[in-house]
Amino acid sequence: MLEMWEKPLSPEETERLINRAVDQIKKRRLEVPAILFLEMHKPLAGIAGHAAVAFSPFLMPLFGFKNVDDYSQFLSKRENIEMLIRRIESKDDGTQEASEGAS
């Protein structure tokens, strides 16, 4: 039987999850809605992580055990959400400066 949250996320794994999420958000050009959503739901970060565990039987067939386990641990810590928001904002600022310089 697979155990959820068996080992805590390492800083490298947390960084990998943040980079992957930011890349997907940037690819779809959803920086502003993502920041708005994350800021609004930051107080509920712990609940979101535990909800992912509760709904894991429904999420695992769609996303796989490793992804559900990693992101549920990631979402359970408020500081991870803050790091994700800052990373989206910093990457967003960099692309705007690059596009303004090209104009």
C-alpha atoms as a PDB file:
ATOM      1  CA  MET A   1       0.000   0.000   0.000  1.00  0.00           C
ATOM      2  CA  LEU A   2       1.294   3.447  -0.861  1.00  0.00           C
ATOM      3  CA  GLU A   3       1.714   5.848   2.043  1.00  0.00           C
ATOM      4  CA  MET A   4       1.028   9.557   1.645  1.00  0.00           C
ATOM      5  CA  TRP A   5       3.548  12.006   3.119  1.00  0.00           C
ATOM      6  CA  GLU A   6       5.933   9.182   4.012  1.00  0.00           C
ATOM      7  CA  LYS A   7       8.978  11.439   3.659  1.00  0.00           C
ATOM      8  CA  PRO A   8       9.015  15.248   3.692  1.00  0.00           C
ATOM      9  CA  LEU A   9       9.849  17.221   0.577  1.00  0.00           C
ATOM     10  CA  SER A  10      13.480  18.205   0.265  1.00  0.00           C
ATOM     11  CA  PRO A  11      14.362  21.799  -0.686  1.00  0.00           C
ATOM     12  CA  GLU A  12      15.385  20.508  -4.128  1.00  0.00           C
ATOM     13  CA  GLU A  13      12.007  18.831  -4.624  1.00  0.00           C
ATOM     14  CA  THR A  14      10.206  21.975  -3.485  1.00  0.00           C
ATOM     15  CA  GLU A  15      12.240  24.014  -5.964  1.00  0.00           C
ATOM     16  CA  ARG A  16      11.429  21.519  -8.738  1.00  0.00           C
ATOM     17  CA  LEU A  17       7.695  21.758  -7.989  1.00  0.00           C
ATOM     18  CA  ILE A  18       7.816  25.549  -7.990  1.00  0.00           C
ATOM     19  CA  ASN A  19       9.721  25.662 -11.281  1.00  0.00           C
ATOM     20  CA  ARG A  20       7.331  23.204 -12.902  1.00  0.00           C
ATOM     21  CA  ALA A  21       4.264  25.145 -11.742  1.00  0.00           C
ATOM     22  CA  VAL A  22       5.724  28.490 -12.841  1.00  0.00           C
ATOM     23  CA  ASP A  23       6.652  27.080 -16.255  1.00  0.00           C
ATOM     24  CA  GLN A  24       3.112  25.782 -16.796  1.00  0.00           C
ATOM     25  CA  ILE A  25       1.568  29.070 -15.644  1.00  0.00           C
ATOM     26  CA  LYS A  26       3.879  31.075 -17.929  1.00  0.00           C
ATOM     27  CA  LYS A  27       3.262  28.724 -20.860  1.00  0.00           C
ATOM     28  CA  ARG A  28      -0.476  29.380 -20.588  1.00  0.00           C
ATOM     29  CA  ARG A  29       0.040  33.103 -19.840  1.00  0.00           C
ATOM     30  CA  LEU A  30      -1.980  32.873 -16.609  1.00  0.00           C
ATOM     31  CA  GLU A  31       0.331  34.888 -14.357  1.00  0.00           C
ATOM     32  CA  VAL A  32      -2.250  37.399 -13.126  1.00  0.00           C
ATOM     33  CA  PRO A  33      -5.086  34.908 -12.463  1.00  0.00           C
ATOM     34  CA  ALA A  34      -2.641  32.527 -10.762  1.00  0.00           C
ATOM     35  CA  ILE A  35      -1.283  35.231  -8.449  1.00  0.00           C
ATOM     36  CA  LEU A  36      -4.815  36.402  -7.635  1.00  0.00           C
ATOM     37  CA  PHE A  37      -5.973  32.841  -6.898  1.00  0.00           C
ATOM     38  CA  LEU A  38      -2.924  32.046  -4.765  1.00  0.00           C
ATOM     39  CA  GLU A  39      -3.159  35.290  -2.774  1.00  0.00           C
ATOM     40  CA  MET A  40      -6.860  34.730  -2.081  1.00  0.00           C
ATOM     41  CA  HIS A  41      -6.371  31.146  -0.968  1.00  0.00           C
ATOM     42  CA  LYS A  42      -3.075  31.504   0.911  1.00  0.00           C
ATOM     43  CA  PRO A  43      -4.849  31.415   4.313  1.00  0.00           C
ATOM     44  CA  LEU A  44      -6.353  28.058   3.318  1.00  0.00           C
ATOM     45  CA  ALA A  45      -3.006  26.493   2.331  1.00  0.00           C
ATOM     46  CA  GLY A  46      -3.052  23.838   5.057  1.00  0.00           C
ATOM     47  CA  ILE A  47      -6.600  22.858   4.245  1.00  0.00           C
ATOM     48  CA  ALA A  48      -5.763  22.545   0.538  1.00  0.00           C
ATOM     49  CA  GLY A  49      -2.952  20.110   1.271  1.00  0.00           C
ATOM     50  CA  HIS A  50      -5.153  17.972   3.475  1.00  0.00           C
ATOM     51  CA  ALA A  51      -8.012  18.125   0.971  1.00  0.00           C
ATOM     52  CA  ALA A  52      -5.657  16.753  -1.686  1.00  0.00           C
ATOM     53  CA  VAL A  53      -4.952  13.802   0.621  1.00  0.00           C
ATOM     54  CA  ALA A  54      -8.660  13.298   1.278  1.00  0.00           C
ATOM     55  CA  PHE A  55      -9.471  13.358  -2.446  1.00  0.00           C
ATOM     56  CA  SER A  56      -6.381  11.379  -3.439  1.00  0.00           C
ATOM     57  CA  PRO A  57      -8.357   8.279  -4.513  1.00  0.00           C
ATOM     58  CA  PHE A  58      -9.994  10.464  -7.168  1.00  0.00           C
ATOM     59  CA  LEU A  59      -6.878  12.490  -8.033  1.00  0.00           C
ATOM     60  CA  MET A  60      -4.343   9.663  -8.324  1.00  0.00           C
ATOM     61  CA  PRO A  61      -5.756   8.074 -11.488  1.00  0.00           C
ATOM     62  CA  LEU A  62      -5.601  11.479 -13.182  1.00  0.00           C
ATOM     63  CA  PHE A  63      -2.290  12.851 -11.892  1.00  0.00           C
ATOM     64  CA  GLY A  64      -0.391   9.858 -10.487  1.00  0.00           C
ATOM     65  CA  PHE A  65       0.611   9.036  -6.927  1.00  0.00           C
ATOM     66  CA  LYS A  66       3.911  10.941  -6.937  1.00  0.00           C
ATOM     67  CA  ASN A  67       2.355  14.199  -8.200  1.00  0.00           C
ATOM     68  CA  VAL A  68      -0.550  14.076  -5.729  1.00  0.00           C
ATOM     69  CA  ASP A  69       1.789  13.248  -2.849  1.00  0.00           C
ATOM     70  CA  ASP A  70       4.300  15.982  -3.764  1.00  0.00           C
ATOM     71  CA  TYR A  71       1.788  18.745  -4.428  1.00  0.00           C
ATOM     72  CA  SER A  72      -0.328  17.916  -1.371  1.00  0.00           C
ATOM     73  CA  GLN A  73       2.785  18.315   0.798  1.00  0.00           C
ATOM     74  CA  PHE A  74       3.733  21.459  -1.105  1.00  0.00           C
ATOM     75  CA  LEU A  75       0.299  23.039  -0.676  1.00  0.00           C
ATOM     76  CA  SER A  76       0.167  22.288   3.041  1.00  0.00           C
ATOM     77  CA  LYS A  77       2.822  24.913   3.842  1.00  0.00           C
ATOM     78  CA  ARG A  78       1.942  28.574   3.536  1.00  0.00           C
ATOM     79  CA  GLU A  79       5.563  29.605   2.903  1.00  0.00           C
ATOM     80  CA  ASN A  80       5.623  27.415  -0.235  1.00  0.00           C
ATOM     81  CA  ILE A  81       2.633  29.307  -1.606  1.00  0.00           C
ATOM     82  CA  GLU A  82       4.408  32.598  -0.892  1.00  0.00           C
ATOM     83  CA  MET A  83       7.565  31.360  -2.675  1.00  0.00           C
ATOM     84  CA  LEU A  84       5.447  30.341  -5.675  1.00  0.00           C
ATOM     85  CA  ILE A  85       3.783  33.771  -5.809  1.00  0.00           C
ATOM     86  CA  ARG A  86       7.141  35.563  -5.610  1.00  0.00           C
ATOM     87  CA  ARG A  87       8.587  33.355  -8.352  1.00  0.00           C
ATOM     88  CA  ILE A  88       5.639  34.010 -10.667  1.00  0.00           C
ATOM     89  CA  GLU A  89       5.962  37.747 -10.044  1.00  0.00           C
ATOM     90  CA  SER A  90       9.717  37.763 -10.615  1.00  0.00           C
ATOM     91  CA  LYS A  91       9.531  35.765 -13.824  1.00  0.00           C
ATOM     92  CA  ASP A  92       6.587  37.910 -14.932  1.00  0.00           C
ATOM     93  CA  ASP A  93       8.614  41.099 -14.376  1.00  0.00           C
ATOM     94  CA  GLY A  94      11.522  39.727 -16.379  1.00  0.00           C
ATOM     95  CA  THR A  95       9.428  38.865 -19.417  1.00  0.00           C
ATOM     96  CA  GLN A  96       7.707  42.243 -19.403  1.00  0.00           C
ATOM     97  CA  GLU A  97      11.057  44.032 -19.359  1.00  0.00           C
ATOM     98  CA  ALA A  98      12.322  41.889 -22.214  1.00  0.00           C
ATOM     99  CA  SER A  99       9.217  42.537 -24.341  1.00  0.00           C
ATOM    100  CA  GLU A 100       9.339  46.292 -23.587  1.00  0.00           C
ATOM    101  CA  GLY A 101      12.984  46.410 -24.651  1.00  0.00           C
ATOM    102  CA  ALA A 102      12.120  44.718 -27.963  1.00  0.00           C
ATOM    103  CA  SER A 103       9.402  47.297 -28.779  1.00  0.00           C
END
